[in-house]
Amino acid sequence: MLAYYLYPFAPETEPKEYTKQDLMNPQKVEELFDYCQILEGTITRQGWEFLIKYYGYNRLFEIDKRSGWLCERTDGSIEEYIECVEYEIKSMPE
């Protein structure tokens, strides 16, 4: 599983999974970032690896600017954004 969204008011429901095909669509990535911002979405280590390889940090930063998730924690620099992404990856369980 690369990423998922769990509807918070129906915990008994299955999470909505994001596939590689989904994550190849920048609008879906922005949607996922929006869910992550409100703590309803999760990107796995494998998901981050895919996103970084497919988009690169610069493109992810541009997508994130529209969402306002991790870029809100930075001073607006790509270097600090990369640090935020790396922190997210390290905080995921093995």
C-alpha atoms as a PDB file:
ATOM      1  CA  MET A   1       0.000   0.000   0.000  1.00  0.00           C
ATOM      2  CA  LEU A   2       1.425   3.386  -1.007  1.00  0.00           C
ATOM      3  CA  ALA A   3      -1.026   5.700   0.710  1.00  0.00           C
ATOM      4  CA  TYR A   4      -4.522   5.704   2.110  1.00  0.00           C
ATOM      5  CA  TYR A   5      -7.344   7.837   3.425  1.00  0.00           C
ATOM      6  CA  LEU A   6      -9.383   6.688   6.401  1.00  0.00           C
ATOM      7  CA  TYR A   7     -12.771   8.286   6.817  1.00  0.00           C
ATOM      8  CA  PRO A   8     -12.673   9.367  10.476  1.00  0.00           C
ATOM      9  CA  PHE A   9     -16.384   9.105  11.246  1.00  0.00           C
ATOM     10  CA  ALA A  10     -16.721   5.524  10.062  1.00  0.00           C
ATOM     11  CA  PRO A  11     -13.702   3.662  11.450  1.00  0.00           C
ATOM     12  CA  GLU A  12     -15.292   0.322  10.570  1.00  0.00           C
ATOM     13  CA  THR A  13     -14.991   1.127   6.853  1.00  0.00           C
ATOM     14  CA  GLU A  14     -12.037   0.058   4.781  1.00  0.00           C
ATOM     15  CA  PRO A  15      -9.500   2.779   4.025  1.00  0.00           C
ATOM     16  CA  LYS A  16      -9.424   4.231   0.521  1.00  0.00           C
ATOM     17  CA  GLU A  17      -6.133   3.131  -0.996  1.00  0.00           C
ATOM     18  CA  TYR A  18      -4.101   5.187  -3.446  1.00  0.00           C
ATOM     19  CA  THR A  19      -2.392   3.133  -6.148  1.00  0.00           C
ATOM     20  CA  LYS A  20       0.585   4.053  -8.313  1.00  0.00           C
ATOM     21  CA  GLN A  21      -1.890   4.921 -11.047  1.00  0.00           C
ATOM     22  CA  ASP A  22      -3.683   7.285  -8.660  1.00  0.00           C
ATOM     23  CA  LEU A  23      -0.450   8.908  -7.533  1.00  0.00           C
ATOM     24  CA  MET A  24       0.621   9.539 -11.110  1.00  0.00           C
ATOM     25  CA  ASN A  25      -2.167  12.130 -11.206  1.00  0.00           C
ATOM     26  CA  PRO A  26      -1.047  15.428  -9.579  1.00  0.00           C
ATOM     27  CA  GLN A  27      -4.644  16.243  -8.577  1.00  0.00           C
ATOM     28  CA  LYS A  28      -4.852  12.970  -6.649  1.00  0.00           C
ATOM     29  CA  VAL A  29      -1.552  13.771  -4.925  1.00  0.00           C
ATOM     30  CA  GLU A  30      -2.912  17.178  -3.951  1.00  0.00           C
ATOM     31  CA  GLU A  31      -6.078  15.482  -2.643  1.00  0.00           C
ATOM     32  CA  LEU A  32      -3.936  13.079  -0.604  1.00  0.00           C
ATOM     33  CA  PHE A  33      -1.855  15.960   0.775  1.00  0.00           C
ATOM     34  CA  ASP A  34      -5.111  17.676   1.781  1.00  0.00           C
ATOM     35  CA  TYR A  35      -6.169  14.546   3.701  1.00  0.00           C
ATOM     36  CA  CYS A  36      -2.734  14.288   5.316  1.00  0.00           C
ATOM     37  CA  GLN A  37      -2.990  17.913   6.404  1.00  0.00           C
ATOM     38  CA  ILE A  38      -6.122  17.141   8.441  1.00  0.00           C
ATOM     39  CA  LEU A  39      -4.632  13.858   9.724  1.00  0.00           C
ATOM     40  CA  GLU A  40      -6.960  11.634   7.712  1.00  0.00           C
ATOM     41  CA  GLY A  41      -4.441  10.509   5.089  1.00  0.00           C
ATOM     42  CA  THR A  42      -1.223   8.559   5.373  1.00  0.00           C
ATOM     43  CA  ILE A  43       1.651   8.112   2.947  1.00  0.00           C
ATOM     44  CA  THR A  44       3.734   5.002   3.553  1.00  0.00           C
ATOM     45  CA  ARG A  45       7.500   4.815   3.098  1.00  0.00           C
ATOM     46  CA  GLN A  46       6.915   3.065  -0.226  1.00  0.00           C
ATOM     47  CA  GLY A  47       4.486   5.813  -1.179  1.00  0.00           C
ATOM     48  CA  TRP A  48       7.033   8.527  -0.469  1.00  0.00           C
ATOM     49  CA  GLU A  49       9.696   6.620  -2.402  1.00  0.00           C
ATOM     50  CA  PHE A  50       7.358   6.427  -5.387  1.00  0.00           C
ATOM     51  CA  LEU A  51       6.339  10.096  -5.173  1.00  0.00           C
ATOM     52  CA  ILE A  52       9.939  11.299  -4.922  1.00  0.00           C
ATOM     53  CA  LYS A  53      11.073   9.082  -7.787  1.00  0.00           C
ATOM     54  CA  TYR A  54       8.104   9.962 -10.019  1.00  0.00           C
ATOM     55  CA  TYR A  55       7.819  13.710  -9.316  1.00  0.00           C
ATOM     56  CA  GLY A  56      11.053  14.753  -7.664  1.00  0.00           C
ATOM     57  CA  TYR A  57      11.136  17.136  -4.721  1.00  0.00           C
ATOM     58  CA  ASN A  58      10.613  20.285  -6.789  1.00  0.00           C
ATOM     59  CA  ARG A  59       7.364  19.071  -8.372  1.00  0.00           C
ATOM     60  CA  LEU A  60       6.091  17.716  -5.033  1.00  0.00           C
ATOM     61  CA  PHE A  61       6.844  21.098  -3.490  1.00  0.00           C
ATOM     62  CA  GLU A  62       4.740  22.789  -6.182  1.00  0.00           C
ATOM     63  CA  ILE A  63       1.851  20.382  -5.590  1.00  0.00           C
ATOM     64  CA  ASP A  64       2.163  20.868  -1.841  1.00  0.00           C
ATOM     65  CA  LYS A  65       2.019  24.654  -2.202  1.00  0.00           C
ATOM     66  CA  ARG A  66      -1.497  24.275  -3.606  1.00  0.00           C
ATOM     67  CA  SER A  67      -2.459  21.976  -0.739  1.00  0.00           C
ATOM     68  CA  GLY A  68      -0.671  23.853   2.029  1.00  0.00           C
ATOM     69  CA  TRP A  69       0.338  20.761   3.983  1.00  0.00           C
ATOM     70  CA  LEU A  70       4.091  20.473   4.610  1.00  0.00           C
ATOM     71  CA  CYS A  71       5.039  23.733   2.942  1.00  0.00           C
ATOM     72  CA  GLU A  72       3.196  25.551   5.746  1.00  0.00           C
ATOM     73  CA  ARG A  73       5.882  24.257   8.124  1.00  0.00           C
ATOM     74  CA  THR A  74       8.736  25.713   6.086  1.00  0.00           C
ATOM     75  CA  ASP A  75      10.255  29.089   5.376  1.00  0.00           C
ATOM     76  CA  GLY A  76       9.281  28.607   1.735  1.00  0.00           C
ATOM     77  CA  SER A  77      12.566  27.040   0.660  1.00  0.00           C
ATOM     78  CA  ILE A  78      12.901  23.735  -1.148  1.00  0.00           C
ATOM     79  CA  GLU A  79      15.676  22.742   1.268  1.00  0.00           C
ATOM     80  CA  GLU A  80      13.404  23.028   4.272  1.00  0.00           C
ATOM     81  CA  TYR A  81      10.616  21.271   2.391  1.00  0.00           C
ATOM     82  CA  ILE A  82      12.938  18.326   1.735  1.00  0.00           C
ATOM     83  CA  GLU A  83      13.745  18.209   5.456  1.00  0.00           C
ATOM     84  CA  CYS A  84      10.006  18.049   6.234  1.00  0.00           C
ATOM     85  CA  VAL A  85       9.491  15.207   3.759  1.00  0.00           C
ATOM     86  CA  GLU A  86      12.465  13.306   5.185  1.00  0.00           C
ATOM     87  CA  TYR A  87      11.040  13.768   8.686  1.00  0.00           C
ATOM     88  CA  GLU A  88       7.695  12.361   7.516  1.00  0.00           C
ATOM     89  CA  ILE A  89       9.454   9.331   6.019  1.00  0.00           C
ATOM     90  CA  LYS A  90      11.493   8.706   9.173  1.00  0.00           C
ATOM     91  CA  SER A  91       8.400   8.951  11.363  1.00  0.00           C
ATOM     92  CA  MET A  92       6.654   6.130   9.473  1.00  0.00           C
ATOM     93  CA  PRO A  93       6.846   2.654  11.043  1.00  0.00           C
ATOM     94  CA  GLU A  94       9.201   0.226   9.361  1.00  0.00           C
END
